[in-house]
Every structure is written in C-alpha cells, then in structure tokens.
Amino acid sequence: MSKLRKSSKQKLYAGCIGAGIVGVVFASYLIINTHQLNDVRKQAEAEAAQKWKGYEQEQRTAKKGWVVVRDISPGEQITPSDLKGITVPGSQAPANLVAGKNEASGATAKIELKKGSVLTSAMITADEPTPKDLRNRELKVVVLPNSLKAGDEVDIRIQFPTGQDYILLSKKRISKLEGPIIWVTLNEQEILSLSSGIVDAYLHKASIYALTYVDPQFQPKAIPTYPPNLKVLELMNSDSNLIRVAEQKLSKQLRESLENAISASNNVISTPIERSLSEEVAAQHAGANADGSSSERTNTGDGYGNGQDAKEQADILTQSGSSDPYGK
C-alpha cells in the first residue's frame, strides 16, 4: 500500500513538473508574442505617422496646375474652356508647371496635347504659330562683328557711299555661324527686302553689315527703315539671276577686302624668318592662281566698278532708267 502511494505521489509530482514546464513555455511564448505584436504595432504606428507627415508636407507644398480636357493639335490655340484646374503634389510637380490660367489660356500648343495632359511652359508658347512663309536664309555678304557667335541677335543694316544708313532686317537671331557665313530666318517680306538690298549694294557700292544688341532680352525690336527700290524690284522680276550675280559680286568684294587686310598685316612682319615664310606662301599662292586670276581680271574687271563689272552695272542702270538707289 505504501509502495502504491509512493508511486502515485511520484507520478503526481512528475505531472505537476510537466504542467509547470508547459506553463512556463506557454507564458514565454505569450510574452515573446506580445513583445513582437507591440513592436509591429509601434512600427505600423511610426509608418502611419511618417505617411501622415508626408501627406501634410505634400499638402503644404502642393501646386495648382492645369490639364486640357480635349486633344489639342500642334499650333492650335488653347481656350479657357479647354482647361481644368488640378492640384499637383509638390514632389510630383514639374519645375515649369503652368500655374496661372491666364498663362495657359490663349497660348499656342507647341506639341500634340492629349486629354488630361498637365501643362508645362515647354508645351505651350505665347507667340503666334510659326508663319507658313518663314524660311532659313544663308547670308555670306554681310560684314560681321568679330565677337559674333551663334545665338546672338543682330540688326542687319545697309550703308551707302553717300552716308545714308538704313535698317534692312531687325533683331534677327543667328541660328548658325560658320566663318563669314550666317543663317537667319526670314519671312517673305523680309526676303524681298533683303534681295532688294543686296542688288542695291551691288549697283551702288553699298555695305551690308550687322550690329549686335547690347541686351536683347530688354531691348525692343528696331523698326526696319530701308525702303525697297522699286526699280530694283522691277529688275529682279525681269532677271531671276540678278540676285545671284549681285550676291556673288558682294561676296567676292568681301573676300578681296579680307585679302587686302591680310596683305597689309604682312607688311609689318618684322623678323627675317617670318618675312621669308610669308614670301614663300605668297609665291606658291600666286603660282597656283596665276592663270585663273588673269582670266578673271580679263572677264570681270577688279570688282569695284572697273572692267566688266562697270559695264554690267551701266547696262542694268540704263535698263532701269535711274541711278538713284531710292528713286521712284
């Protein structure tokens, strides 16, 4: 009986110990799980707080913008009814976002705008659409400033030997510059005025030159003052090659002026070595062009009113009936 009681006690103790171990393990699990849940909750609260802070920041920095409510083609004008106001988060708002309705309304689309497109200043322009008659024009008869560079804005003027000086083309941007040759954009009226000026310069030994603007952003566009010569316009209509001939002659005169300037600078060469090199180069150049130069002198004169040039000009002026560059 005592043995049986002793065995029962041992089993009871063993059961209590096992239950205690299980309880400890379960309690530990609960404690760990509670800590983990607390960590997850704290992390979720921190993330929510961060998101809310970011949302508040977005609301403070949000910008007002405008979208188009229909598809708009390039060159089409935007009307007030085409616009709808929106709020763009600060982090997503482009730096050139169009904020004012007045800035967008009445502007012209540079590119195709799809419905719902957020407007930026790069997409629109306040200027009128590009005129249909606008063309790129290469000029190689203009005396250019030494400091001229692509992107500069210039007035192209014409000066006659009498001292008369007129604005031929006003505030033209140099889109391309290669040595003495420039490219500008001209409309039809400016092309005709320039053509008249080139022929006038050829007939009357005028000079076509360019002057840059000091502060083109703030200086207004000058008003052209050159009156196209009606007689010259009649000659241009009667002879389609006249402009090309005049341009070639003026280009030749500019080149001769450059060569004369180079020749004059060679006269100040001081050292014997520099002088001998200059003479050697000049001799080679003269030998290579001797035949062509003599033939050219025989056929065309000296380019400044002598020889064939003088005859051509006399014939043209005789046909026109007037030698006055501004005679009506």
C-alpha atoms as a PDB file:
ATOM      1  CA  MET A   1       0.000   0.000   0.000  1.00  0.00           C
ATOM      2  CA  SER A   2       2.805   2.316   0.889  1.00  0.00           C
ATOM      3  CA  LYS A   3       4.581   1.476  -2.324  1.00  0.00           C
ATOM      4  CA  LEU A   4       1.474   2.224  -4.262  1.00  0.00           C
ATOM      5  CA  ARG A   5       1.027   5.550  -2.523  1.00  0.00           C
ATOM      6  CA  LYS A   6       4.639   6.431  -3.141  1.00  0.00           C
ATOM      7  CA  SER A   7       4.320   5.671  -6.873  1.00  0.00           C
ATOM      8  CA  SER A   8       1.205   7.811  -7.139  1.00  0.00           C
ATOM      9  CA  LYS A   9       2.953  10.719  -5.475  1.00  0.00           C
ATOM     10  CA  GLN A  10       5.857  10.466  -7.899  1.00  0.00           C
ATOM     11  CA  LYS A  11       3.507  10.477 -10.843  1.00  0.00           C
ATOM     12  CA  LEU A  12       1.671  13.448  -9.403  1.00  0.00           C
ATOM     13  CA  TYR A  13       4.923  15.334  -8.922  1.00  0.00           C
ATOM     14  CA  ALA A  14       6.027  14.455 -12.434  1.00  0.00           C
ATOM     15  CA  GLY A  15       2.716  15.673 -13.824  1.00  0.00           C
ATOM     16  CA  CYS A  16       2.958  18.911 -11.877  1.00  0.00           C
ATOM     17  CA  ILE A  17       6.504  19.476 -13.087  1.00  0.00           C
ATOM     18  CA  GLY A  18       5.471  18.786 -16.708  1.00  0.00           C
ATOM     19  CA  ALA A  19       2.499  21.097 -16.390  1.00  0.00           C
ATOM     20  CA  GLY A  20       4.762  23.725 -14.897  1.00  0.00           C
ATOM     21  CA  ILE A  21       7.228  23.427 -17.778  1.00  0.00           C
ATOM     22  CA  VAL A  22       4.408  23.657 -20.303  1.00  0.00           C
ATOM     23  CA  GLY A  23       3.034  26.669 -18.475  1.00  0.00           C
ATOM     24  CA  VAL A  24       6.427  28.360 -18.475  1.00  0.00           C
ATOM     25  CA  VAL A  25       6.874  27.668 -22.183  1.00  0.00           C
ATOM     26  CA  PHE A  26       3.394  28.949 -22.960  1.00  0.00           C
ATOM     27  CA  ALA A  27       3.898  32.012 -20.813  1.00  0.00           C
ATOM     28  CA  SER A  28       7.229  32.677 -22.535  1.00  0.00           C
ATOM     29  CA  TYR A  29       5.535  32.328 -25.904  1.00  0.00           C
ATOM     30  CA  LEU A  30       2.836  34.747 -24.865  1.00  0.00           C
ATOM     31  CA  ILE A  31       5.397  37.240 -23.596  1.00  0.00           C
ATOM     32  CA  ILE A  32       7.509  36.999 -26.757  1.00  0.00           C
ATOM     33  CA  ASN A  33       4.459  37.170 -28.991  1.00  0.00           C
ATOM     34  CA  THR A  34       3.159  40.170 -27.070  1.00  0.00           C
ATOM     35  CA  HIS A  35       6.518  41.929 -27.474  1.00  0.00           C
ATOM     36  CA  GLN A  36       6.511  41.144 -31.186  1.00  0.00           C
ATOM     37  CA  LEU A  37       2.975  42.399 -31.530  1.00  0.00           C
ATOM     38  CA  ASN A  38       3.952  45.554 -29.666  1.00  0.00           C
ATOM     39  CA  ASP A  39       6.949  46.024 -31.989  1.00  0.00           C
ATOM     40  CA  VAL A  40       4.774  45.501 -35.057  1.00  0.00           C
ATOM     41  CA  ARG A  41       2.171  47.895 -33.701  1.00  0.00           C
ATOM     42  CA  LYS A  42       4.820  50.520 -32.921  1.00  0.00           C
ATOM     43  CA  GLN A  43       6.364  50.101 -36.369  1.00  0.00           C
ATOM     44  CA  ALA A  44       2.931  50.407 -38.004  1.00  0.00           C
ATOM     45  CA  GLU A  45       2.192  53.493 -35.950  1.00  0.00           C
ATOM     46  CA  ALA A  46       5.559  55.013 -36.898  1.00  0.00           C
ATOM     47  CA  GLU A  47       4.976  54.284 -40.587  1.00  0.00           C
ATOM     48  CA  ALA A  48       1.467  55.719 -40.388  1.00  0.00           C
ATOM     49  CA  ALA A  49       2.808  58.808 -38.654  1.00  0.00           C
ATOM     50  CA  GLN A  50       5.517  59.155 -41.307  1.00  0.00           C
ATOM     51  CA  LYS A  51       2.982  58.802 -44.091  1.00  0.00           C
ATOM     52  CA  TRP A  52       0.690  61.328 -42.463  1.00  0.00           C
ATOM     53  CA  LYS A  53       3.617  63.710 -42.069  1.00  0.00           C
ATOM     54  CA  GLY A  54       4.473  63.212 -45.719  1.00  0.00           C
ATOM     55  CA  TYR A  55       0.857  63.798 -46.697  1.00  0.00           C
ATOM     56  CA  GLU A  56       0.774  67.022 -44.701  1.00  0.00           C
ATOM     57  CA  GLN A  57       4.042  68.065 -46.339  1.00  0.00           C
ATOM     58  CA  GLU A  58       2.596  67.305 -49.779  1.00  0.00           C
ATOM     59  CA  GLN A  59      -0.472  69.370 -48.962  1.00  0.00           C
ATOM     60  CA  ARG A  60       1.668  72.300 -47.853  1.00  0.00           C
ATOM     61  CA  THR A  61       3.849  72.154 -50.979  1.00  0.00           C
ATOM     62  CA  ALA A  62       1.097  71.194 -53.445  1.00  0.00           C
ATOM     63  CA  LYS A  63       0.866  73.363 -56.535  1.00  0.00           C
ATOM     64  CA  LYS A  64      -2.048  74.305 -58.677  1.00  0.00           C
ATOM     65  CA  GLY A  65      -1.854  73.282 -62.290  1.00  0.00           C
ATOM     66  CA  TRP A  66      -3.993  72.897 -65.382  1.00  0.00           C
ATOM     67  CA  VAL A  67      -4.869  69.997 -67.653  1.00  0.00           C
ATOM     68  CA  VAL A  68      -6.511  70.043 -71.059  1.00  0.00           C
ATOM     69  CA  VAL A  69      -9.939  68.431 -71.349  1.00  0.00           C
ATOM     70  CA  ARG A  70      -9.578  67.521 -75.017  1.00  0.00           C
ATOM     71  CA  ASP A  71      -6.914  66.589 -77.549  1.00  0.00           C
ATOM     72  CA  ILE A  72      -5.169  69.676 -78.966  1.00  0.00           C
ATOM     73  CA  SER A  73      -3.062  69.675 -82.138  1.00  0.00           C
ATOM     74  CA  PRO A  74       0.319  71.452 -82.510  1.00  0.00           C
ATOM     75  CA  GLY A  75      -0.148  75.107 -83.460  1.00  0.00           C
ATOM     76  CA  GLU A  76      -3.729  75.188 -82.134  1.00  0.00           C
ATOM     77  CA  GLN A  77      -4.713  77.886 -79.675  1.00  0.00           C
ATOM     78  CA  ILE A  78      -5.854  76.873 -76.164  1.00  0.00           C
ATOM     79  CA  THR A  79      -9.143  78.429 -74.995  1.00  0.00           C
ATOM     80  CA  PRO A  80     -10.384  78.827 -71.394  1.00  0.00           C
ATOM     81  CA  SER A  81     -12.949  76.062 -71.944  1.00  0.00           C
ATOM     82  CA  ASP A  82     -10.102  73.648 -72.770  1.00  0.00           C
ATOM     83  CA  LEU A  83      -8.652  73.919 -69.245  1.00  0.00           C
ATOM     84  CA  LYS A  84      -9.412  72.242 -65.919  1.00  0.00           C
ATOM     85  CA  GLY A  85      -7.680  73.110 -62.648  1.00  0.00           C
ATOM     86  CA  ILE A  86      -5.962  70.396 -60.591  1.00  0.00           C
ATOM     87  CA  THR A  87      -3.714  70.159 -57.531  1.00  0.00           C
ATOM     88  CA  VAL A  88      -0.340  68.508 -58.109  1.00  0.00           C
ATOM     89  CA  PRO A  89       1.665  67.142 -55.134  1.00  0.00           C
ATOM     90  CA  GLY A  90       4.845  69.088 -54.546  1.00  0.00           C
ATOM     91  CA  SER A  91       7.102  66.080 -55.135  1.00  0.00           C
ATOM     92  CA  GLN A  92       5.438  65.359 -58.478  1.00  0.00           C
ATOM     93  CA  ALA A  93       5.049  68.915 -59.736  1.00  0.00           C
ATOM     94  CA  PRO A  94       7.493  69.814 -62.565  1.00  0.00           C
ATOM     95  CA  ALA A  95       9.535  72.972 -62.122  1.00  0.00           C
ATOM     96  CA  ASN A  96       7.955  74.569 -65.214  1.00  0.00           C
ATOM     97  CA  LEU A  97       4.352  73.759 -64.266  1.00  0.00           C
ATOM     98  CA  VAL A  98       1.887  76.303 -65.658  1.00  0.00           C
ATOM     99  CA  ALA A  99       0.197  77.743 -62.552  1.00  0.00           C
ATOM    100  CA  GLY A 100      -1.832  80.659 -63.916  1.00  0.00           C
ATOM    101  CA  LYS A 101      -4.869  80.169 -66.087  1.00  0.00           C
ATOM    102  CA  ASN A 102      -4.080  83.385 -67.930  1.00  0.00           C
ATOM    103  CA  GLU A 103      -0.709  81.918 -68.883  1.00  0.00           C
ATOM    104  CA  ALA A 104      -2.332  78.859 -70.445  1.00  0.00           C
ATOM    105  CA  SER A 105      -5.438  80.459 -71.914  1.00  0.00           C
ATOM    106  CA  GLY A 106      -4.754  81.950 -75.323  1.00  0.00           C
ATOM    107  CA  ALA A 107      -1.379  80.194 -75.646  1.00  0.00           C
ATOM    108  CA  THR A 108      -0.466  78.021 -78.619  1.00  0.00           C
ATOM    109  CA  ALA A 109       0.360  74.323 -78.298  1.00  0.00           C
ATOM    110  CA  LYS A 110       3.920  73.503 -79.378  1.00  0.00           C
ATOM    111  CA  ILE A 111       3.254  69.753 -79.413  1.00  0.00           C
ATOM    112  CA  GLU A 112       0.234  67.480 -79.547  1.00  0.00           C
ATOM    113  CA  LEU A 113      -1.577  67.588 -76.199  1.00  0.00           C
ATOM    114  CA  LYS A 114      -3.616  64.558 -75.199  1.00  0.00           C
ATOM    115  CA  LYS A 115      -6.698  64.872 -72.995  1.00  0.00           C
ATOM    116  CA  GLY A 116      -5.607  65.047 -69.340  1.00  0.00           C
ATOM    117  CA  SER A 117      -2.072  66.332 -70.094  1.00  0.00           C
ATOM    118  CA  VAL A 118      -0.680  68.530 -67.309  1.00  0.00           C
ATOM    119  CA  LEU A 119       0.521  71.747 -68.923  1.00  0.00           C
ATOM    120  CA  THR A 120       4.118  72.949 -68.590  1.00  0.00           C
ATOM    121  CA  SER A 121       5.728  76.014 -70.131  1.00  0.00           C
ATOM    122  CA  ALA A 122       7.683  73.773 -72.537  1.00  0.00           C
ATOM    123  CA  MET A 123       4.422  72.560 -74.101  1.00  0.00           C
ATOM    124  CA  ILE A 124       2.989  75.974 -74.976  1.00  0.00           C
ATOM    125  CA  THR A 125       4.106  79.302 -76.346  1.00  0.00           C
ATOM    126  CA  ALA A 126       2.669  82.773 -76.050  1.00  0.00           C
ATOM    127  CA  ASP A 127       3.870  83.587 -79.572  1.00  0.00           C
ATOM    128  CA  GLU A 128       1.812  83.098 -82.659  1.00  0.00           C
ATOM    129  CA  PRO A 129       2.240  79.797 -84.551  1.00  0.00           C
ATOM    130  CA  THR A 130       5.244  79.662 -86.867  1.00  0.00           C
ATOM    131  CA  PRO A 131       4.300  81.586 -90.032  1.00  0.00           C
ATOM    132  CA  LYS A 132       3.909  79.472 -93.140  1.00  0.00           C
ATOM    133  CA  ASP A 133       6.270  81.713 -95.131  1.00  0.00           C
ATOM    134  CA  LEU A 134       9.174  81.548 -92.643  1.00  0.00           C
ATOM    135  CA  ARG A 135      12.383  80.210 -94.200  1.00  0.00           C
ATOM    136  CA  ASN A 136      16.055  79.746 -93.268  1.00  0.00           C
ATOM    137  CA  ARG A 137      18.315  82.052 -95.293  1.00  0.00           C
ATOM    138  CA  GLU A 138      22.072  81.749 -95.718  1.00  0.00           C
ATOM    139  CA  LEU A 139      23.917  85.066 -95.853  1.00  0.00           C
ATOM    140  CA  LYS A 140      27.514  85.464 -96.946  1.00  0.00           C
ATOM    141  CA  VAL A 141      27.514  89.142 -97.983  1.00  0.00           C
ATOM    142  CA  VAL A 142      27.263  90.645 -94.502  1.00  0.00           C
ATOM    143  CA  VAL A 143      30.207  92.239 -92.696  1.00  0.00           C
ATOM    144  CA  LEU A 144      30.105  90.596 -89.253  1.00  0.00           C
ATOM    145  CA  PRO A 145      31.389  91.765 -85.847  1.00  0.00           C
ATOM    146  CA  ASN A 146      34.482  89.877 -84.692  1.00  0.00           C
ATOM    147  CA  SER A 147      32.804  88.805 -81.441  1.00  0.00           C
ATOM    148  CA  LEU A 148      29.644  87.455 -83.116  1.00  0.00           C
ATOM    149  CA  LYS A 149      28.518  83.960 -82.072  1.00  0.00           C
ATOM    150  CA  ALA A 150      25.569  81.696 -82.756  1.00  0.00           C
ATOM    151  CA  GLY A 151      22.520  82.751 -80.755  1.00  0.00           C
ATOM    152  CA  ASP A 152      23.286  86.485 -80.865  1.00  0.00           C
ATOM    153  CA  GLU A 153      20.585  88.854 -82.103  1.00  0.00           C
ATOM    154  CA  VAL A 154      21.521  91.478 -84.672  1.00  0.00           C
ATOM    155  CA  ASP A 155      20.206  94.233 -86.871  1.00  0.00           C
ATOM    156  CA  ILE A 156      21.393  93.896 -90.466  1.00  0.00           C
ATOM    157  CA  ARG A 157      21.921  97.343 -91.964  1.00  0.00           C
ATOM    158  CA  ILE A 158      22.897  98.798 -95.322  1.00  0.00           C
ATOM    159  CA  GLN A 159      25.126 101.881 -95.705  1.00  0.00           C
ATOM    160  CA  PHE A 160      25.573 103.741 -98.997  1.00  0.00           C
ATOM    161  CA  PRO A 161      28.653 105.738-100.009  1.00  0.00           C
ATOM    162  CA  THR A 162      26.570 108.898 -99.569  1.00  0.00           C
ATOM    163  CA  GLY A 163      26.368 108.166 -95.842  1.00  0.00           C
ATOM    164  CA  GLN A 164      22.750 107.010 -95.887  1.00  0.00           C
ATOM    165  CA  ASP A 165      22.305 104.155 -93.412  1.00  0.00           C
ATOM    166  CA  TYR A 166      19.160 102.032 -93.114  1.00  0.00           C
ATOM    167  CA  ILE A 167      17.965  99.055 -91.069  1.00  0.00           C
ATOM    168  CA  LEU A 168      17.467  96.227 -93.532  1.00  0.00           C
ATOM    169  CA  LEU A 169      16.499  93.397 -91.139  1.00  0.00           C
ATOM    170  CA  SER A 170      15.600  93.874 -87.491  1.00  0.00           C
ATOM    171  CA  LYS A 171      16.576  91.747 -84.462  1.00  0.00           C
ATOM    172  CA  LYS A 172      17.467  88.561 -86.274  1.00  0.00           C
ATOM    173  CA  ARG A 173      18.794  85.641 -84.246  1.00  0.00           C
ATOM    174  CA  ILE A 174      21.921  83.983 -85.643  1.00  0.00           C
ATOM    175  CA  SER A 175      20.807  80.348 -85.780  1.00  0.00           C
ATOM    176  CA  LYS A 176      24.132  79.165 -87.241  1.00  0.00           C
ATOM    177  CA  LEU A 177      27.553  80.694 -87.798  1.00  0.00           C
ATOM    178  CA  GLU A 178      30.365  79.277 -89.923  1.00  0.00           C
ATOM    179  CA  GLY A 179      33.186  81.727 -90.532  1.00  0.00           C
ATOM    180  CA  PRO A 180      31.833  84.660 -92.563  1.00  0.00           C
ATOM    181  CA  ILE A 181      28.517  82.881 -93.300  1.00  0.00           C
ATOM    182  CA  ILE A 182      25.417  83.206 -91.093  1.00  0.00           C
ATOM    183  CA  TRP A 183      21.941  81.679 -91.151  1.00  0.00           C
ATOM    184  CA  VAL A 184      18.786  83.585 -90.134  1.00  0.00           C
ATOM    185  CA  THR A 185      15.049  83.006 -90.534  1.00  0.00           C
ATOM    186  CA  LEU A 186      13.099  85.391 -92.764  1.00  0.00           C
ATOM    187  CA  ASN A 187       9.503  85.767 -93.861  1.00  0.00           C
ATOM    188  CA  GLU A 188       8.530  86.518 -97.440  1.00  0.00           C
ATOM    189  CA  GLN A 189       8.531  90.306 -96.991  1.00  0.00           C
ATOM    190  CA  GLU A 190      11.974  90.243 -95.374  1.00  0.00           C
ATOM    191  CA  ILE A 191      13.323  88.006 -98.151  1.00  0.00           C
ATOM    192  CA  LEU A 192      12.181  90.509-100.788  1.00  0.00           C
ATOM    193  CA  SER A 193      13.592  93.451 -98.813  1.00  0.00           C
ATOM    194  CA  LEU A 194      16.923  91.651 -98.376  1.00  0.00           C
ATOM    195  CA  SER A 195      17.076  90.799-102.082  1.00  0.00           C
ATOM    196  CA  SER A 196      16.459  94.430-102.953  1.00  0.00           C
ATOM    197  CA  GLY A 197      19.186  95.492-100.519  1.00  0.00           C
ATOM    198  CA  ILE A 198      21.707  93.032-101.998  1.00  0.00           C
ATOM    199  CA  VAL A 199      21.088  94.296-105.522  1.00  0.00           C
ATOM    200  CA  ASP A 200      21.211  97.914-104.297  1.00  0.00           C
ATOM    201  CA  ALA A 201      24.539  97.219-102.572  1.00  0.00           C
ATOM    202  CA  TYR A 202      25.904  95.673-105.768  1.00  0.00           C
ATOM    203  CA  LEU A 203      24.767  98.513-108.027  1.00  0.00           C
ATOM    204  CA  HIS A 204      25.773 101.381-105.761  1.00  0.00           C
ATOM    205  CA  LYS A 205      28.767 100.010-103.828  1.00  0.00           C
ATOM    206  CA  ALA A 206      26.890  99.956-100.544  1.00  0.00           C
ATOM    207  CA  SER A 207      27.962  97.950 -97.497  1.00  0.00           C
ATOM    208  CA  ILE A 208      25.733  95.434 -95.705  1.00  0.00           C
ATOM    209  CA  TYR A 209      26.788  94.891 -92.094  1.00  0.00           C
ATOM    210  CA  ALA A 210      25.482  93.539 -88.786  1.00  0.00           C
ATOM    211  CA  LEU A 211      25.251  95.144 -85.341  1.00  0.00           C
ATOM    212  CA  THR A 212      24.569  93.130 -82.179  1.00  0.00           C
ATOM    213  CA  TYR A 213      22.129  94.117 -79.430  1.00  0.00           C
ATOM    214  CA  VAL A 214      23.644  95.012 -76.046  1.00  0.00           C
ATOM    215  CA  ASP A 215      20.787  93.485 -74.014  1.00  0.00           C
ATOM    216  CA  PRO A 216      18.421  91.694 -76.423  1.00  0.00           C
ATOM    217  CA  GLN A 217      16.117  90.475 -73.635  1.00  0.00           C
ATOM    218  CA  PHE A 218      15.089  94.005 -72.718  1.00  0.00           C
ATOM    219  CA  GLN A 219      15.830  95.997 -75.860  1.00  0.00           C
ATOM    220  CA  PRO A 220      12.796  96.151 -78.186  1.00  0.00           C
ATOM    221  CA  LYS A 221      12.964  95.151 -81.808  1.00  0.00           C
ATOM    222  CA  ALA A 222      14.037  98.018 -84.076  1.00  0.00           C
ATOM    223  CA  ILE A 223      11.786  99.138 -86.914  1.00  0.00           C
ATOM    224  CA  PRO A 224      13.254  98.460 -90.400  1.00  0.00           C
ATOM    225  CA  THR A 225      13.851 101.720 -92.244  1.00  0.00           C
ATOM    226  CA  TYR A 226      15.141 100.508 -95.608  1.00  0.00           C
ATOM    227  CA  PRO A 227      12.742 101.427 -98.454  1.00  0.00           C
ATOM    228  CA  PRO A 228      12.996  98.795-101.210  1.00  0.00           C
ATOM    229  CA  ASN A 229      13.920 100.356-104.525  1.00  0.00           C
ATOM    230  CA  LEU A 230      11.041  99.936-106.975  1.00  0.00           C
ATOM    231  CA  LYS A 231      13.432  99.962-109.924  1.00  0.00           C
ATOM    232  CA  VAL A 232      15.459  97.213-108.283  1.00  0.00           C
ATOM    233  CA  LEU A 233      12.299  95.163-107.685  1.00  0.00           C
ATOM    234  CA  GLU A 234      11.429  95.562-111.381  1.00  0.00           C
ATOM    235  CA  LEU A 235      14.910  94.397-112.348  1.00  0.00           C
ATOM    236  CA  MET A 236      14.609  91.418-110.001  1.00  0.00           C
ATOM    237  CA  ASN A 237      11.327  90.457-111.652  1.00  0.00           C
ATOM    238  CA  SER A 238      12.794  90.779-115.125  1.00  0.00           C
ATOM    239  CA  ASP A 239      16.027  88.883-114.369  1.00  0.00           C
ATOM    240  CA  SER A 240      15.846  85.939-111.956  1.00  0.00           C
ATOM    241  CA  ASN A 241      19.650  85.649-111.928  1.00  0.00           C
ATOM    242  CA  LEU A 242      20.250  89.228-110.799  1.00  0.00           C
ATOM    243  CA  ILE A 243      20.191  88.435-107.076  1.00  0.00           C
ATOM    244  CA  ARG A 244      22.606  85.534-107.506  1.00  0.00           C
ATOM    245  CA  VAL A 245      25.023  87.683-109.554  1.00  0.00           C
ATOM    246  CA  ALA A 246      24.848  90.535-107.024  1.00  0.00           C
ATOM    247  CA  GLU A 247      25.435  88.171-104.113  1.00  0.00           C
ATOM    248  CA  GLN A 248      28.433  86.605-105.835  1.00  0.00           C
ATOM    249  CA  LYS A 249      29.940  90.006-106.562  1.00  0.00           C
ATOM    250  CA  LEU A 250      29.443  91.237-102.988  1.00  0.00           C
ATOM    251  CA  SER A 251      30.917  88.016-101.611  1.00  0.00           C
ATOM    252  CA  LYS A 252      33.911  88.479-103.894  1.00  0.00           C
ATOM    253  CA  GLN A 253      34.374  92.063-102.695  1.00  0.00           C
ATOM    254  CA  LEU A 254      34.307  90.941 -99.059  1.00  0.00           C
ATOM    255  CA  ARG A 255      36.936  88.319 -99.822  1.00  0.00           C
ATOM    256  CA  GLU A 256      39.126  90.852-101.598  1.00  0.00           C
ATOM    257  CA  SER A 257      38.827  93.209 -98.623  1.00  0.00           C
ATOM    258  CA  LEU A 258      39.918  90.385 -96.338  1.00  0.00           C
ATOM    259  CA  GLU A 259      42.891  89.553 -98.539  1.00  0.00           C
ATOM    260  CA  ASN A 260      43.897  93.234 -98.656  1.00  0.00           C
ATOM    261  CA  ALA A 261      43.772  93.364 -94.864  1.00  0.00           C
ATOM    262  CA  ILE A 262      45.908  90.220 -94.645  1.00  0.00           C
ATOM    263  CA  SER A 263      48.341  91.676 -97.168  1.00  0.00           C
ATOM    264  CA  ALA A 264      48.586  94.896 -95.169  1.00  0.00           C
ATOM    265  CA  SER A 265      49.261  92.946 -91.983  1.00  0.00           C
ATOM    266  CA  ASN A 266      52.046  91.048 -93.757  1.00  0.00           C
ATOM    267  CA  ASN A 267      53.833  94.343 -94.342  1.00  0.00           C
ATOM    268  CA  VAL A 268      54.520  94.677 -90.617  1.00  0.00           C
ATOM    269  CA  ILE A 269      56.301  91.292 -90.321  1.00  0.00           C
ATOM    270  CA  SER A 270      59.499  92.084 -88.509  1.00  0.00           C
ATOM    271  CA  THR A 271      61.725  89.003 -88.332  1.00  0.00           C
ATOM    272  CA  PRO A 272      63.602  87.653 -91.400  1.00  0.00           C
ATOM    273  CA  ILE A 273      62.189  84.143 -90.819  1.00  0.00           C
ATOM    274  CA  GLU A 274      58.577  85.393 -90.740  1.00  0.00           C
ATOM    275  CA  ARG A 275      59.200  87.503 -93.842  1.00  0.00           C
ATOM    276  CA  SER A 276      60.737  84.623 -95.808  1.00  0.00           C
ATOM    277  CA  LEU A 277      57.864  82.271 -94.854  1.00  0.00           C
ATOM    278  CA  SER A 278      55.301  84.874 -95.877  1.00  0.00           C
ATOM    279  CA  GLU A 279      57.008  85.443 -99.231  1.00  0.00           C
ATOM    280  CA  GLU A 280      57.195  81.691 -99.869  1.00  0.00           C
ATOM    281  CA  VAL A 281      53.494  81.166 -99.160  1.00  0.00           C
ATOM    282  CA  ALA A 282      52.560  84.179-101.282  1.00  0.00           C
ATOM    283  CA  ALA A 283      54.670  82.897-104.179  1.00  0.00           C
ATOM    284  CA  GLN A 284      53.030  79.461-104.036  1.00  0.00           C
ATOM    285  CA  HIS A 285      49.572  81.018-103.915  1.00  0.00           C
ATOM    286  CA  ALA A 286      50.339  83.357-106.817  1.00  0.00           C
ATOM    287  CA  GLY A 287      51.700  80.495-108.932  1.00  0.00           C
ATOM    288  CA  ALA A 288      48.674  78.292-108.297  1.00  0.00           C
ATOM    289  CA  ASN A 289      46.186  81.005-109.212  1.00  0.00           C
ATOM    290  CA  ALA A 290      48.066  82.918-111.908  1.00  0.00           C
ATOM    291  CA  ASP A 291      46.040  81.603-114.859  1.00  0.00           C
ATOM    292  CA  GLY A 292      42.658  81.853-113.131  1.00  0.00           C
ATOM    293  CA  SER A 293      43.356  85.328-111.793  1.00  0.00           C
ATOM    294  CA  SER A 294      44.415  86.729-115.163  1.00  0.00           C
ATOM    295  CA  SER A 295      41.368  85.202-116.835  1.00  0.00           C
ATOM    296  CA  GLU A 296      39.097  86.602-114.140  1.00  0.00           C
ATOM    297  CA  ARG A 297      40.595  90.055-114.471  1.00  0.00           C
ATOM    298  CA  THR A 298      40.069  89.917-118.237  1.00  0.00           C
ATOM    299  CA  ASN A 299      36.423  88.895-117.970  1.00  0.00           C
ATOM    300  CA  THR A 300      35.106  90.618-114.844  1.00  0.00           C
ATOM    301  CA  GLY A 301      37.312  93.596-114.006  1.00  0.00           C
ATOM    302  CA  ASP A 302      38.512  94.345-110.472  1.00  0.00           C
ATOM    303  CA  GLY A 303      35.161  94.007-108.684  1.00  0.00           C
ATOM    304  CA  TYR A 304      34.985  97.678-107.724  1.00  0.00           C
ATOM    305  CA  GLY A 305      33.425  99.327-110.720  1.00  0.00           C
ATOM    306  CA  ASN A 306      36.074  98.734-113.413  1.00  0.00           C
ATOM    307  CA  GLY A 307      36.109  96.432-116.416  1.00  0.00           C
ATOM    308  CA  GLN A 308      33.151  94.097-116.935  1.00  0.00           C
ATOM    309  CA  ASP A 309      31.561  94.994-113.585  1.00  0.00           C
ATOM    310  CA  ALA A 310      31.203  98.600-114.647  1.00  0.00           C
ATOM    311  CA  LYS A 311      29.691  97.524-117.956  1.00  0.00           C
ATOM    312  CA  GLU A 312      27.172  95.221-116.207  1.00  0.00           C
ATOM    313  CA  GLN A 313      26.153  97.940-113.783  1.00  0.00           C
ATOM    314  CA  ALA A 314      25.862 100.525-116.543  1.00  0.00           C
ATOM    315  CA  ASP A 315      23.653  98.202-118.600  1.00  0.00           C
ATOM    316  CA  ILE A 316      21.421  97.433-115.595  1.00  0.00           C
ATOM    317  CA  LEU A 317      21.078 101.071-114.608  1.00  0.00           C
ATOM    318  CA  THR A 318      20.368 102.029-118.199  1.00  0.00           C
ATOM    319  CA  GLN A 319      17.567  99.473-118.290  1.00  0.00           C
ATOM    320  CA  SER A 320      16.126 100.777-115.035  1.00  0.00           C
ATOM    321  CA  GLY A 321      16.339 104.375-116.156  1.00  0.00           C
ATOM    322  CA  SER A 322      17.724 105.662-112.861  1.00  0.00           C
ATOM    323  CA  SER A 323      20.930 105.504-110.852  1.00  0.00           C
ATOM    324  CA  ASP A 324      19.285 106.735-107.655  1.00  0.00           C
ATOM    325  CA  PRO A 325      19.071 103.817-105.188  1.00  0.00           C
ATOM    326  CA  TYR A 326      15.854 105.244-103.781  1.00  0.00           C
ATOM    327  CA  GLY A 327      14.430 106.861-106.895  1.00  0.00           C
ATOM    328  CA  LYS A 328      10.799 106.098-107.513  1.00  0.00           C
END
